[in-house]
N, C-alpha and C. Protein backbone atom coordinates (compact mmCIF):
# COMPACT_ATOMS: atom_id res chain seq x y z
N MET A 1 -107.06 11.48 -67.66
CA MET A 1 -106.61 10.79 -69.25
C MET A 1 -107.04 9.53 -69.32
N SER A 2 -107.91 10.15 -70.58
CA SER A 2 -108.93 8.72 -71.52
C SER A 2 -107.33 7.50 -71.57
N SER A 3 -107.79 6.32 -71.50
CA SER A 3 -106.61 5.27 -71.95
C SER A 3 -106.56 5.26 -73.23
N SER A 4 -108.09 5.87 -74.37
CA SER A 4 -107.52 5.85 -75.94
C SER A 4 -106.53 7.40 -76.18
N SER A 5 -106.79 8.25 -75.25
CA SER A 5 -105.72 9.46 -75.60
C SER A 5 -104.87 9.27 -76.17
N PRO A 6 -104.30 10.09 -77.38
CA PRO A 6 -102.98 9.88 -77.89
C PRO A 6 -101.65 9.68 -77.02
N GLN A 7 -102.31 10.79 -75.73
CA GLN A 7 -100.87 10.84 -74.70
C GLN A 7 -100.48 9.54 -73.87
N ALA A 8 -102.15 9.18 -73.77
CA ALA A 8 -102.04 7.63 -72.91
C ALA A 8 -101.52 6.58 -73.73
N SER A 9 -101.99 6.78 -74.99
CA SER A 9 -101.07 5.52 -75.96
C SER A 9 -100.06 5.49 -76.17
N ALA A 10 -99.26 6.80 -76.23
CA ALA A 10 -97.91 6.85 -76.52
C ALA A 10 -97.28 6.56 -75.36
N ALA A 11 -97.74 6.51 -74.06
CA ALA A 11 -97.18 6.36 -72.79
C ALA A 11 -96.84 4.95 -72.76
N GLN A 12 -98.23 4.00 -73.02
CA GLN A 12 -98.02 2.50 -72.85
C GLN A 12 -97.05 2.10 -74.23
N ARG A 13 -96.99 2.79 -75.20
CA ARG A 13 -95.72 2.24 -76.30
C ARG A 13 -94.42 2.26 -75.68
N LEU A 14 -94.54 3.47 -75.03
CA LEU A 14 -93.03 3.87 -74.31
C LEU A 14 -92.91 2.66 -73.31
N VAL A 15 -93.34 2.40 -72.60
CA VAL A 15 -93.11 1.15 -71.68
C VAL A 15 -93.31 -0.09 -71.80
N LEU A 16 -93.81 -0.49 -73.55
CA LEU A 16 -93.51 -1.72 -73.80
C LEU A 16 -92.25 -1.81 -74.70
N ILE A 17 -91.69 -0.41 -75.16
CA ILE A 17 -90.17 -0.65 -75.67
C ILE A 17 -89.56 -0.34 -74.89
N ASP A 18 -89.85 0.28 -73.34
CA ASP A 18 -88.47 0.47 -72.48
C ASP A 18 -89.13 0.39 -71.05
N PRO A 19 -89.23 -1.23 -70.81
CA PRO A 19 -89.92 -1.01 -69.21
C PRO A 19 -89.34 -0.26 -68.24
N ALA A 20 -87.80 0.24 -68.45
CA ALA A 20 -87.94 1.18 -67.28
C ALA A 20 -88.43 2.06 -66.92
N PHE A 21 -89.64 2.73 -67.72
CA PHE A 21 -90.38 3.94 -67.43
C PHE A 21 -91.57 3.37 -66.96
N GLY A 22 -91.57 1.97 -66.41
CA GLY A 22 -92.91 1.69 -66.27
C GLY A 22 -93.14 2.29 -64.44
N ASP A 23 -92.59 2.57 -63.62
CA ASP A 23 -92.77 2.76 -62.92
C ASP A 23 -93.48 4.66 -62.70
N VAL A 24 -92.77 5.50 -63.36
CA VAL A 24 -92.84 6.59 -63.81
C VAL A 24 -94.07 7.09 -64.61
N VAL A 25 -94.62 6.23 -65.56
CA VAL A 25 -95.55 6.19 -66.10
C VAL A 25 -96.87 5.59 -65.41
N GLN A 26 -96.68 4.72 -64.74
CA GLN A 26 -98.07 4.38 -63.61
C GLN A 26 -98.29 5.30 -62.35
N ALA A 27 -97.25 6.39 -62.21
CA ALA A 27 -97.00 7.46 -60.79
C ALA A 27 -97.77 8.33 -61.37
N THR A 28 -97.62 8.71 -62.98
CA THR A 28 -97.77 10.19 -63.22
C THR A 28 -98.80 9.93 -64.29
N PRO A 29 -99.67 10.62 -63.94
CA PRO A 29 -100.84 11.01 -65.24
C PRO A 29 -100.07 11.30 -66.42
N ALA A 30 -100.90 10.77 -67.39
CA ALA A 30 -100.42 11.21 -68.77
C ALA A 30 -100.19 12.53 -69.03
N PRO A 31 -99.45 13.04 -70.60
CA PRO A 31 -99.30 14.48 -70.63
C PRO A 31 -100.13 14.89 -70.86
N PRO A 32 -100.57 16.30 -70.35
CA PRO A 32 -101.80 17.12 -70.68
C PRO A 32 -101.84 17.26 -72.11
N HIS A 33 -102.97 17.04 -72.77
CA HIS A 33 -103.51 17.63 -74.06
C HIS A 33 -103.22 19.18 -74.43
N ARG A 34 -102.18 19.18 -75.30
CA ARG A 34 -101.88 20.74 -75.78
C ARG A 34 -102.61 20.99 -77.00
N ARG A 35 -102.83 22.25 -76.85
CA ARG A 35 -103.43 22.72 -78.69
C ARG A 35 -102.27 24.27 -79.01
N PRO A 36 -101.69 23.99 -80.15
CA PRO A 36 -101.03 25.15 -80.80
C PRO A 36 -101.64 26.27 -80.09
N THR A 37 -100.24 27.26 -80.08
CA THR A 37 -100.74 28.50 -79.05
C THR A 37 -101.08 29.17 -81.07
N LEU A 38 -102.39 29.99 -80.20
CA LEU A 38 -102.68 30.92 -81.44
C LEU A 38 -101.37 31.51 -81.81
N VAL A 39 -101.84 32.14 -83.25
CA VAL A 39 -100.79 32.85 -83.85
C VAL A 39 -100.13 34.26 -83.10
N ALA A 40 -101.23 35.01 -82.59
CA ALA A 40 -100.90 36.14 -81.90
C ALA A 40 -100.05 35.81 -80.71
N HIS A 41 -99.97 34.68 -80.36
CA HIS A 41 -99.16 34.74 -78.83
C HIS A 41 -97.72 33.85 -79.18
N ARG A 42 -97.40 33.62 -80.19
CA ARG A 42 -96.30 32.80 -80.60
C ARG A 42 -94.85 33.72 -80.33
N PHE A 43 -94.85 34.87 -80.88
CA PHE A 43 -93.75 35.56 -80.78
C PHE A 43 -93.44 35.33 -78.99
N GLY A 44 -95.05 35.84 -78.49
CA GLY A 44 -94.42 36.06 -76.74
C GLY A 44 -94.15 34.54 -76.26
N ALA A 45 -94.27 33.48 -77.00
CA ALA A 45 -93.95 32.22 -76.50
C ALA A 45 -92.55 31.79 -76.46
N LEU A 46 -91.65 32.86 -77.98
CA LEU A 46 -90.54 32.59 -78.06
C LEU A 46 -89.73 33.55 -77.20
N VAL A 47 -90.38 34.57 -76.67
CA VAL A 47 -89.64 35.36 -75.72
C VAL A 47 -89.63 34.52 -74.38
N GLU A 48 -90.82 33.93 -74.37
CA GLU A 48 -90.68 32.92 -73.08
C GLU A 48 -89.39 32.12 -72.64
N SER A 49 -89.34 31.56 -73.84
CA SER A 49 -88.61 30.35 -74.19
C SER A 49 -86.94 30.89 -74.03
N ILE A 50 -86.98 32.27 -74.67
CA ILE A 50 -85.30 32.75 -74.29
C ILE A 50 -84.93 33.36 -73.16
N THR A 51 -86.32 33.56 -72.13
CA THR A 51 -86.08 34.06 -70.69
C THR A 51 -85.69 32.80 -69.93
N TYR A 52 -85.95 31.78 -70.14
CA TYR A 52 -86.06 30.56 -68.98
C TYR A 52 -84.70 29.89 -69.87
N GLN A 53 -83.72 29.94 -70.84
CA GLN A 53 -82.57 29.41 -71.03
C GLN A 53 -81.39 29.53 -69.63
N MET A 54 -81.54 28.69 -69.47
CA MET A 54 -79.87 28.30 -68.14
C MET A 54 -80.81 29.10 -67.11
N LEU A 55 -81.82 29.14 -66.60
CA LEU A 55 -82.44 29.67 -65.28
C LEU A 55 -83.39 28.53 -64.97
N ALA A 56 -83.46 28.26 -63.45
CA ALA A 56 -84.46 27.39 -62.73
C ALA A 56 -85.39 28.08 -62.72
N GLY A 57 -86.70 27.42 -62.85
CA GLY A 57 -88.14 27.62 -63.29
C GLY A 57 -88.46 28.92 -62.48
N ARG A 58 -88.54 28.97 -61.22
CA ARG A 58 -89.38 29.91 -60.65
C ARG A 58 -88.57 31.60 -60.78
N ALA A 59 -86.89 31.75 -60.63
CA ALA A 59 -86.38 32.23 -61.35
C ALA A 59 -86.73 33.40 -62.64
N ALA A 60 -86.79 32.03 -63.45
CA ALA A 60 -87.29 32.46 -65.07
C ALA A 60 -88.38 33.02 -64.80
N ALA A 61 -89.33 32.49 -64.07
CA ALA A 61 -90.99 32.67 -64.32
C ALA A 61 -90.84 34.45 -63.37
N ALA A 62 -90.02 34.71 -62.15
CA ALA A 62 -90.25 35.86 -61.96
C ALA A 62 -89.83 37.02 -62.92
N ILE A 63 -88.57 36.65 -63.75
CA ILE A 63 -88.12 37.81 -64.56
C ILE A 63 -88.68 38.02 -65.75
N HIS A 64 -89.82 36.81 -65.85
CA HIS A 64 -90.73 37.05 -67.32
C HIS A 64 -91.98 37.66 -66.87
N GLY A 65 -92.19 37.77 -65.83
CA GLY A 65 -93.35 38.20 -64.76
C GLY A 65 -93.35 39.81 -64.97
N ARG A 66 -91.64 40.37 -64.90
CA ARG A 66 -91.26 41.61 -64.46
C ARG A 66 -91.39 42.04 -66.04
N LEU A 67 -90.75 41.33 -66.86
CA LEU A 67 -90.65 41.37 -68.45
C LEU A 67 -91.91 41.72 -68.82
N VAL A 68 -93.09 41.02 -68.76
CA VAL A 68 -94.18 41.20 -69.20
C VAL A 68 -95.21 42.56 -68.56
N SER A 69 -94.81 42.75 -67.45
CA SER A 69 -94.81 44.06 -66.55
C SER A 69 -94.41 45.32 -67.44
N LEU A 70 -93.33 45.54 -67.65
CA LEU A 70 -92.22 46.28 -68.43
C LEU A 70 -92.99 46.56 -70.33
N LEU A 71 -93.45 45.43 -69.99
CA LEU A 71 -94.71 46.02 -71.61
C LEU A 71 -95.96 46.34 -71.96
N ASP A 72 -96.18 46.09 -70.29
CA ASP A 72 -98.02 46.78 -70.26
C ASP A 72 -98.62 45.67 -70.60
N GLY A 73 -98.30 44.54 -70.35
CA GLY A 73 -98.71 42.83 -70.87
C GLY A 73 -99.04 42.72 -71.98
N GLU A 74 -98.42 43.35 -72.77
CA GLU A 74 -98.31 42.79 -74.27
C GLU A 74 -96.74 42.56 -75.17
N VAL A 75 -96.99 41.10 -75.13
CA VAL A 75 -95.30 41.04 -75.49
C VAL A 75 -94.95 40.78 -76.90
N SER A 76 -95.23 41.85 -77.71
CA SER A 76 -95.28 41.91 -79.15
C SER A 76 -94.04 42.26 -79.77
N PRO A 77 -93.61 42.05 -80.78
CA PRO A 77 -92.47 42.56 -81.73
C PRO A 77 -92.21 44.14 -81.56
N ALA A 78 -93.27 44.88 -81.78
CA ALA A 78 -93.07 46.28 -81.54
C ALA A 78 -93.14 46.50 -80.17
N ARG A 79 -93.72 46.42 -79.21
CA ARG A 79 -93.14 46.25 -77.74
C ARG A 79 -91.97 46.09 -77.75
N VAL A 80 -91.32 44.99 -77.82
CA VAL A 80 -89.91 44.49 -77.76
C VAL A 80 -88.97 45.51 -78.09
N ALA A 81 -89.08 45.51 -79.36
CA ALA A 81 -88.06 46.76 -80.62
C ALA A 81 -88.53 47.92 -79.84
N ALA A 82 -89.32 48.49 -79.27
CA ALA A 82 -89.41 49.61 -78.76
C ALA A 82 -88.81 49.77 -77.24
N ALA A 83 -88.97 48.81 -76.80
CA ALA A 83 -88.40 49.03 -75.04
C ALA A 83 -86.55 48.95 -75.41
N GLY A 84 -85.98 48.27 -76.40
CA GLY A 84 -84.95 47.97 -76.43
C GLY A 84 -84.17 47.20 -75.56
N VAL A 85 -82.81 47.18 -75.52
CA VAL A 85 -81.90 46.49 -74.78
C VAL A 85 -82.14 47.05 -73.30
N ASP A 86 -81.54 47.94 -73.03
CA ASP A 86 -81.07 49.07 -71.58
C ASP A 86 -82.61 48.03 -70.69
N ARG A 87 -83.75 48.87 -71.61
CA ARG A 87 -85.02 48.66 -70.48
C ARG A 87 -85.47 46.97 -70.46
N LEU A 88 -84.95 46.58 -71.49
CA LEU A 88 -85.22 44.75 -71.19
C LEU A 88 -84.75 44.24 -70.00
N ARG A 89 -83.31 44.90 -70.29
CA ARG A 89 -82.31 44.10 -68.56
C ARG A 89 -82.71 44.30 -67.91
N GLY A 90 -83.48 45.67 -67.42
CA GLY A 90 -84.17 46.16 -66.42
C GLY A 90 -85.27 45.68 -65.39
N ALA A 91 -85.63 44.47 -66.32
CA ALA A 91 -86.53 43.18 -65.65
C ALA A 91 -85.59 41.90 -65.17
N GLY A 92 -84.23 41.93 -65.39
CA GLY A 92 -83.59 41.42 -64.94
C GLY A 92 -82.79 40.51 -65.93
N LEU A 93 -83.23 40.47 -67.22
CA LEU A 93 -82.69 39.63 -68.37
C LEU A 93 -81.25 40.03 -68.37
N THR A 94 -80.49 39.05 -68.69
CA THR A 94 -78.95 39.49 -69.36
C THR A 94 -78.88 40.03 -70.27
N ARG A 95 -77.59 40.42 -70.69
CA ARG A 95 -77.50 41.45 -71.98
C ARG A 95 -78.04 40.62 -73.07
N THR A 96 -77.49 39.66 -73.48
CA THR A 96 -77.54 38.25 -74.37
C THR A 96 -78.45 38.01 -74.63
N LYS A 97 -79.65 37.93 -73.18
CA LYS A 97 -80.85 37.58 -73.58
C LYS A 97 -81.97 38.60 -74.04
N ALA A 98 -81.58 39.77 -73.52
CA ALA A 98 -82.23 40.92 -74.06
C ALA A 98 -81.78 41.40 -75.58
N VAL A 99 -80.48 41.16 -75.71
CA VAL A 99 -79.81 41.19 -77.29
C VAL A 99 -81.08 40.34 -78.14
N ALA A 100 -80.97 39.14 -77.86
CA ALA A 100 -81.68 38.32 -78.61
C ALA A 100 -83.58 38.51 -78.58
N MET A 101 -83.83 38.96 -77.48
CA MET A 101 -85.45 39.40 -77.83
C MET A 101 -85.62 40.39 -78.95
N THR A 102 -84.68 41.36 -78.49
CA THR A 102 -85.13 42.80 -79.77
C THR A 102 -84.53 42.43 -81.00
N GLU A 103 -83.45 41.45 -81.37
CA GLU A 103 -83.00 41.03 -82.36
C GLU A 103 -84.41 39.83 -83.16
N LEU A 104 -84.76 39.37 -82.55
CA LEU A 104 -86.16 38.54 -82.80
C LEU A 104 -87.00 39.67 -82.89
N ALA A 105 -87.51 40.52 -82.30
CA ALA A 105 -88.46 41.48 -82.60
C ALA A 105 -88.57 42.21 -84.16
N HIS A 106 -87.21 42.80 -84.28
CA HIS A 106 -86.65 43.02 -85.33
C HIS A 106 -86.96 42.11 -86.59
N ALA A 107 -86.51 40.87 -86.59
CA ALA A 107 -86.52 40.21 -87.04
C ALA A 107 -87.97 39.55 -87.74
N THR A 108 -88.98 39.58 -86.71
CA THR A 108 -90.63 39.28 -86.99
C THR A 108 -90.94 40.70 -87.39
N LEU A 109 -90.68 41.89 -87.45
CA LEU A 109 -91.24 42.87 -87.88
C LEU A 109 -91.19 42.73 -89.19
N GLU A 110 -89.28 42.25 -89.43
CA GLU A 110 -88.85 42.64 -91.34
C GLU A 110 -89.61 41.36 -92.32
N GLY A 111 -90.21 40.31 -91.67
CA GLY A 111 -90.29 39.16 -92.03
C GLY A 111 -89.22 38.01 -91.98
N ARG A 112 -88.53 37.97 -91.26
CA ARG A 112 -87.28 36.98 -91.45
C ARG A 112 -87.83 36.20 -90.74
N VAL A 113 -88.29 35.85 -90.17
CA VAL A 113 -88.94 35.27 -88.55
C VAL A 113 -90.43 35.68 -88.73
N ARG A 114 -90.84 34.17 -88.97
CA ARG A 114 -92.90 34.34 -89.01
C ARG A 114 -93.64 33.54 -88.21
N PRO A 115 -93.66 33.57 -87.43
CA PRO A 115 -94.58 32.45 -86.75
C PRO A 115 -95.82 32.59 -86.95
N GLU A 116 -96.39 33.12 -87.63
CA GLU A 116 -97.91 33.03 -88.27
C GLU A 116 -97.33 31.82 -89.11
N ARG A 117 -96.73 31.32 -89.92
CA ARG A 117 -96.85 29.93 -90.72
C ARG A 117 -96.07 28.99 -89.95
N HIS A 118 -95.29 28.89 -88.82
CA HIS A 118 -94.78 27.68 -88.41
C HIS A 118 -95.85 27.11 -88.17
N GLY A 119 -97.18 27.01 -87.93
CA GLY A 119 -98.13 25.43 -88.12
C GLY A 119 -97.88 25.01 -89.11
N ARG A 120 -97.55 24.96 -90.08
CA ARG A 120 -97.12 25.02 -91.30
C ARG A 120 -95.28 24.26 -92.02
N LEU A 121 -94.83 24.48 -91.24
CA LEU A 121 -93.45 24.37 -91.38
C LEU A 121 -93.16 22.90 -90.57
N SER A 122 -92.31 22.55 -91.11
CA SER A 122 -91.43 20.93 -90.34
C SER A 122 -90.90 21.65 -89.17
N ASP A 123 -89.99 20.69 -88.18
CA ASP A 123 -89.76 20.65 -86.76
C ASP A 123 -88.59 21.51 -86.91
N GLU A 124 -87.57 20.89 -88.33
CA GLU A 124 -86.52 21.38 -88.88
C GLU A 124 -86.20 22.84 -89.35
N GLU A 125 -87.25 23.05 -89.96
CA GLU A 125 -87.68 24.29 -90.68
C GLU A 125 -87.57 25.26 -89.76
N ILE A 126 -88.51 25.40 -88.59
CA ILE A 126 -89.04 26.35 -87.61
C ILE A 126 -87.50 26.35 -86.45
N ILE A 127 -86.49 24.98 -86.51
CA ILE A 127 -85.54 25.55 -85.58
C ILE A 127 -84.62 26.40 -86.75
N ALA A 128 -84.55 25.96 -87.72
CA ALA A 128 -83.65 26.50 -88.60
C ALA A 128 -84.01 27.97 -88.46
N GLU A 129 -85.27 28.61 -89.05
CA GLU A 129 -85.71 30.14 -88.55
C GLU A 129 -85.10 30.66 -87.74
N VAL A 130 -85.75 29.97 -86.45
CA VAL A 130 -85.79 31.04 -85.16
C VAL A 130 -84.40 30.56 -84.52
N THR A 131 -83.16 29.76 -84.77
CA THR A 131 -82.10 29.68 -84.28
C THR A 131 -80.99 30.64 -85.49
N GLN A 132 -81.95 31.29 -86.56
CA GLN A 132 -80.80 32.31 -87.08
C GLN A 132 -80.77 33.56 -86.12
N ILE A 133 -81.49 33.81 -85.05
CA ILE A 133 -81.06 34.84 -84.60
C ILE A 133 -80.37 34.57 -83.20
N PRO A 134 -79.15 35.51 -83.21
CA PRO A 134 -78.17 35.45 -82.10
C PRO A 134 -78.53 35.52 -80.62
N GLY A 135 -77.96 34.02 -80.03
CA GLY A 135 -78.72 34.34 -78.77
C GLY A 135 -79.81 33.29 -78.66
N ILE A 136 -80.14 32.67 -79.61
CA ILE A 136 -81.10 31.35 -79.93
C ILE A 136 -80.92 30.56 -80.57
N GLY A 137 -81.09 29.37 -79.20
CA GLY A 137 -80.37 28.38 -80.03
C GLY A 137 -81.05 26.59 -79.83
N PRO A 138 -80.84 26.11 -80.14
CA PRO A 138 -81.58 24.57 -80.22
C PRO A 138 -82.84 24.60 -78.87
N TRP A 139 -82.08 24.95 -77.60
CA TRP A 139 -82.99 24.81 -76.75
C TRP A 139 -84.01 25.15 -76.58
N THR A 140 -84.05 26.28 -76.95
CA THR A 140 -84.88 27.71 -77.11
C THR A 140 -86.36 27.24 -78.43
N GLY A 141 -85.83 26.48 -79.64
CA GLY A 141 -86.42 26.06 -80.51
C GLY A 141 -86.97 24.88 -79.73
N HIS A 142 -86.24 24.08 -79.10
CA HIS A 142 -87.11 22.90 -78.83
C HIS A 142 -88.43 23.30 -77.64
N MET A 143 -88.19 24.10 -77.03
CA MET A 143 -88.89 24.75 -75.83
C MET A 143 -90.20 24.66 -76.66
N TYR A 144 -90.33 25.99 -77.54
CA TYR A 144 -91.32 26.44 -78.53
C TYR A 144 -91.76 25.21 -79.13
N LEU A 145 -91.31 24.42 -79.76
CA LEU A 145 -91.94 23.28 -80.56
C LEU A 145 -92.82 22.47 -79.60
N LEU A 146 -92.49 22.10 -78.08
CA LEU A 146 -93.46 21.39 -77.51
C LEU A 146 -94.71 22.12 -77.10
N PHE A 147 -93.88 23.45 -75.88
CA PHE A 147 -95.02 24.03 -75.40
C PHE A 147 -95.77 25.02 -76.33
N ALA A 148 -95.39 25.66 -77.34
CA ALA A 148 -95.94 26.62 -78.15
C ALA A 148 -96.85 26.04 -79.36
N LEU A 149 -96.26 25.39 -79.61
CA LEU A 149 -96.70 24.63 -81.31
C LEU A 149 -97.52 22.97 -80.84
N ALA A 150 -97.02 22.47 -79.69
CA ALA A 150 -97.61 21.18 -79.05
C ALA A 150 -96.91 19.63 -80.20
N ARG A 151 -96.04 20.19 -80.60
CA ARG A 151 -95.72 18.95 -81.61
C ARG A 151 -95.30 17.77 -81.03
N PRO A 152 -95.35 16.74 -81.15
CA PRO A 152 -95.51 15.60 -80.35
C PRO A 152 -94.01 14.68 -80.45
N ASP A 153 -93.08 15.20 -81.53
CA ASP A 153 -92.11 14.24 -81.35
C ASP A 153 -90.26 15.02 -81.49
N VAL A 154 -90.55 16.10 -80.37
CA VAL A 154 -89.33 16.66 -79.83
C VAL A 154 -88.44 16.15 -79.12
N TRP A 155 -87.81 16.26 -79.03
CA TRP A 155 -86.12 15.35 -78.37
C TRP A 155 -85.40 16.44 -77.71
N PRO A 156 -85.61 17.36 -76.67
CA PRO A 156 -84.53 17.78 -76.40
C PRO A 156 -83.44 17.67 -75.86
N THR A 157 -82.24 17.17 -76.59
CA THR A 157 -81.30 16.16 -75.76
C THR A 157 -80.53 17.22 -75.07
N GLY A 158 -80.33 18.48 -75.56
CA GLY A 158 -80.10 19.26 -74.97
C GLY A 158 -79.86 20.01 -73.28
N ASP A 159 -81.21 19.50 -73.15
CA ASP A 159 -82.19 19.71 -71.73
C ASP A 159 -81.34 19.16 -70.69
N TYR A 160 -80.61 19.74 -69.37
CA TYR A 160 -80.57 19.00 -68.54
C TYR A 160 -81.54 18.34 -67.69
N GLY A 161 -82.53 18.89 -67.64
CA GLY A 161 -83.80 17.69 -66.91
C GLY A 161 -83.79 16.42 -67.29
N VAL A 162 -83.97 16.50 -69.14
CA VAL A 162 -84.62 15.47 -69.56
C VAL A 162 -83.23 14.35 -69.75
N ARG A 163 -81.90 14.96 -69.66
CA ARG A 163 -80.79 14.23 -69.81
C ARG A 163 -80.77 13.51 -67.93
N ALA A 164 -80.96 14.31 -66.88
CA ALA A 164 -81.22 13.91 -65.67
C ALA A 164 -81.93 12.61 -65.20
N GLY A 165 -83.37 13.07 -65.64
CA GLY A 165 -84.76 12.11 -65.79
C GLY A 165 -84.11 10.65 -66.27
N TRP A 166 -83.85 10.97 -67.66
CA TRP A 166 -83.40 9.52 -68.23
C TRP A 166 -82.02 8.72 -68.04
N SER A 167 -81.58 9.40 -67.14
CA SER A 167 -80.13 8.87 -66.16
C SER A 167 -80.94 8.61 -64.79
N ARG A 168 -81.50 8.96 -64.59
CA ARG A 168 -82.35 8.78 -63.23
C ARG A 168 -83.44 6.89 -63.45
N ILE A 169 -83.90 7.33 -64.18
CA ILE A 169 -84.97 6.09 -64.78
C ILE A 169 -83.97 4.58 -65.05
N HIS A 170 -83.06 4.98 -65.59
CA HIS A 170 -82.29 4.06 -65.78
C HIS A 170 -80.83 3.60 -64.75
N GLY A 171 -80.81 4.05 -64.27
CA GLY A 171 -80.03 3.94 -62.57
C GLY A 171 -78.42 4.36 -63.48
N LEU A 172 -78.53 5.17 -64.03
CA LEU A 172 -76.88 5.50 -64.28
C LEU A 172 -76.61 7.01 -63.48
N GLU A 173 -75.27 6.65 -63.01
CA GLU A 173 -74.54 7.38 -61.92
C GLU A 173 -74.38 9.02 -62.52
N GLU A 174 -74.37 9.21 -63.83
CA GLU A 174 -74.20 10.62 -63.78
C GLU A 174 -75.16 10.75 -65.34
N PRO A 175 -75.67 11.76 -65.73
CA PRO A 175 -76.50 12.54 -66.72
C PRO A 175 -75.76 11.91 -68.03
N ILE A 176 -76.59 11.30 -68.60
CA ILE A 176 -76.42 10.61 -69.92
C ILE A 176 -76.09 12.04 -71.10
N ALA A 177 -74.77 11.91 -71.85
CA ALA A 177 -74.48 12.87 -72.77
C ALA A 177 -75.53 13.08 -73.83
N PRO A 178 -75.43 14.21 -74.23
CA PRO A 178 -76.86 14.35 -75.34
C PRO A 178 -76.65 13.98 -76.71
N ARG A 179 -75.45 13.37 -77.01
CA ARG A 179 -75.45 12.64 -78.24
C ARG A 179 -75.59 11.55 -77.92
N GLN A 180 -75.36 10.96 -76.77
CA GLN A 180 -76.21 9.83 -76.57
C GLN A 180 -77.47 9.46 -76.26
N LEU A 181 -78.14 10.62 -75.81
CA LEU A 181 -79.46 10.99 -75.59
C LEU A 181 -80.31 10.78 -76.64
N ALA A 182 -79.38 11.35 -77.86
CA ALA A 182 -79.89 11.66 -79.24
C ALA A 182 -80.36 10.42 -79.78
N GLY A 183 -79.09 9.29 -79.39
CA GLY A 183 -79.36 7.73 -80.22
C GLY A 183 -80.23 7.40 -79.00
N ALA A 184 -80.21 7.21 -78.24
CA ALA A 184 -81.02 6.50 -77.15
C ALA A 184 -82.57 6.74 -78.04
N GLY A 185 -82.26 7.94 -78.08
CA GLY A 185 -84.17 8.60 -78.69
C GLY A 185 -84.78 7.81 -80.02
N VAL A 186 -83.95 7.55 -80.57
CA VAL A 186 -84.32 6.88 -82.21
C VAL A 186 -85.47 6.13 -82.15
N THR A 187 -85.37 5.12 -81.11
CA THR A 187 -86.30 4.13 -81.09
C THR A 187 -87.54 4.79 -80.20
N PHE A 188 -88.06 5.68 -79.93
CA PHE A 188 -89.30 6.44 -79.67
C PHE A 188 -89.70 7.39 -80.54
N THR A 189 -88.90 7.55 -81.79
CA THR A 189 -89.63 8.39 -83.25
C THR A 189 -91.11 8.13 -83.08
N GLY A 190 -91.14 9.52 -83.02
CA GLY A 190 -93.05 9.75 -83.28
C GLY A 190 -93.70 10.25 -82.06
N TYR A 191 -93.15 10.08 -81.05
CA TYR A 191 -93.87 10.34 -79.21
C TYR A 191 -92.67 11.08 -78.68
N ARG A 192 -91.30 11.33 -79.00
CA ARG A 192 -90.39 11.84 -77.99
C ARG A 192 -91.11 13.01 -77.53
N SER A 193 -92.04 14.15 -77.42
CA SER A 193 -92.26 14.55 -76.73
C SER A 193 -92.94 14.22 -75.03
N THR A 194 -93.42 12.67 -75.62
CA THR A 194 -93.95 12.08 -74.08
C THR A 194 -93.27 11.75 -73.12
N VAL A 195 -91.61 11.17 -74.29
CA VAL A 195 -90.62 10.52 -73.54
C VAL A 195 -90.15 11.79 -72.76
N ALA A 196 -89.87 12.97 -73.23
CA ALA A 196 -89.03 13.95 -72.63
C ALA A 196 -90.42 14.36 -71.21
N TRP A 197 -91.55 14.26 -71.24
CA TRP A 197 -92.75 14.72 -70.35
C TRP A 197 -91.83 14.32 -68.86
N TYR A 198 -91.96 12.11 -69.51
CA TYR A 198 -91.79 11.46 -67.90
C TYR A 198 -90.60 11.92 -67.63
N CYS A 199 -89.38 12.01 -68.64
CA CYS A 199 -88.05 12.59 -68.32
C CYS A 199 -88.22 13.22 -66.99
N TRP A 200 -88.76 14.59 -67.25
CA TRP A 200 -89.07 15.74 -66.60
C TRP A 200 -89.64 14.79 -64.77
N ARG A 201 -90.94 14.45 -65.34
CA ARG A 201 -91.81 14.00 -63.91
C ARG A 201 -90.60 13.10 -63.03
N SER A 202 -90.05 12.39 -63.48
CA SER A 202 -89.41 11.12 -63.05
C SER A 202 -88.42 11.83 -62.07
N LEU A 203 -88.14 13.08 -62.07
CA LEU A 203 -87.14 14.13 -61.17
C LEU A 203 -88.24 14.65 -59.98
N GLU A 204 -89.44 14.47 -60.16
CA GLU A 204 -90.29 15.20 -59.00
C GLU A 204 -90.56 14.29 -57.92
N SER A 205 -90.14 12.82 -58.08
CA SER A 205 -90.52 11.42 -57.39
C SER A 205 -89.54 11.46 -56.57
N PRO A 206 -89.62 10.92 -55.06
CA PRO A 206 -88.66 10.27 -54.23
C PRO A 206 -87.68 9.17 -55.06
N GLY A 207 -86.54 8.90 -54.90
CA GLY A 207 -86.22 7.54 -54.87
C GLY A 207 -86.20 7.32 -56.63
N ARG A 208 -85.36 6.00 -57.25
CA ARG A 208 -85.09 6.09 -58.04
C ARG A 208 -86.62 5.68 -58.81
N ALA A 209 -86.99 6.28 -60.28
CA ALA A 209 -88.12 6.04 -60.74
C ALA A 209 -88.56 4.94 -61.58
N GLY A 210 -87.39 4.46 -61.92
CA GLY A 210 -87.60 3.48 -62.98
C GLY A 210 -86.77 2.00 -62.51
């Protein structure tokens, strides 16, 4: 990653503001440059985020793979709505997640959720729109903003990995509370997605990261 890239520049600012991140930034490549997901794939990205709620990565990936197979490779509102809750559960989803996906599908078909306009909406507007669906909370919205829409200032304070990584970097014995993490993140407003990235990466290296 070029030192002039936005991600590398954000990493440099991060260390200047909080030197505790120095070790993990030095040991880890800058976050990859992401482009927003194509409109046609945004619904599928939301479904994937729902799948990953409260699950370890490997388990979630396996369930998501079965879900994609169940839908014949097309994760669209029409396919999800047609499958229904019981068939979706056959992929290994909980009832809550299967209901959330079918409700999201119906809301998208009815125009209450409109992924095609998300590129023009603020983070707050998108979170408000998607969390109107029962079973979709802020965490799912934050993952969608981060990974599908490539937003630069997402601060997922409810994510355990971000909390644990922040705490490890700063030598805390217990994971920081979401409310405290929200306050700590204010200093990094503008590039908190990069901060979250390094919090996750810090958990991958042995020993204290910072």
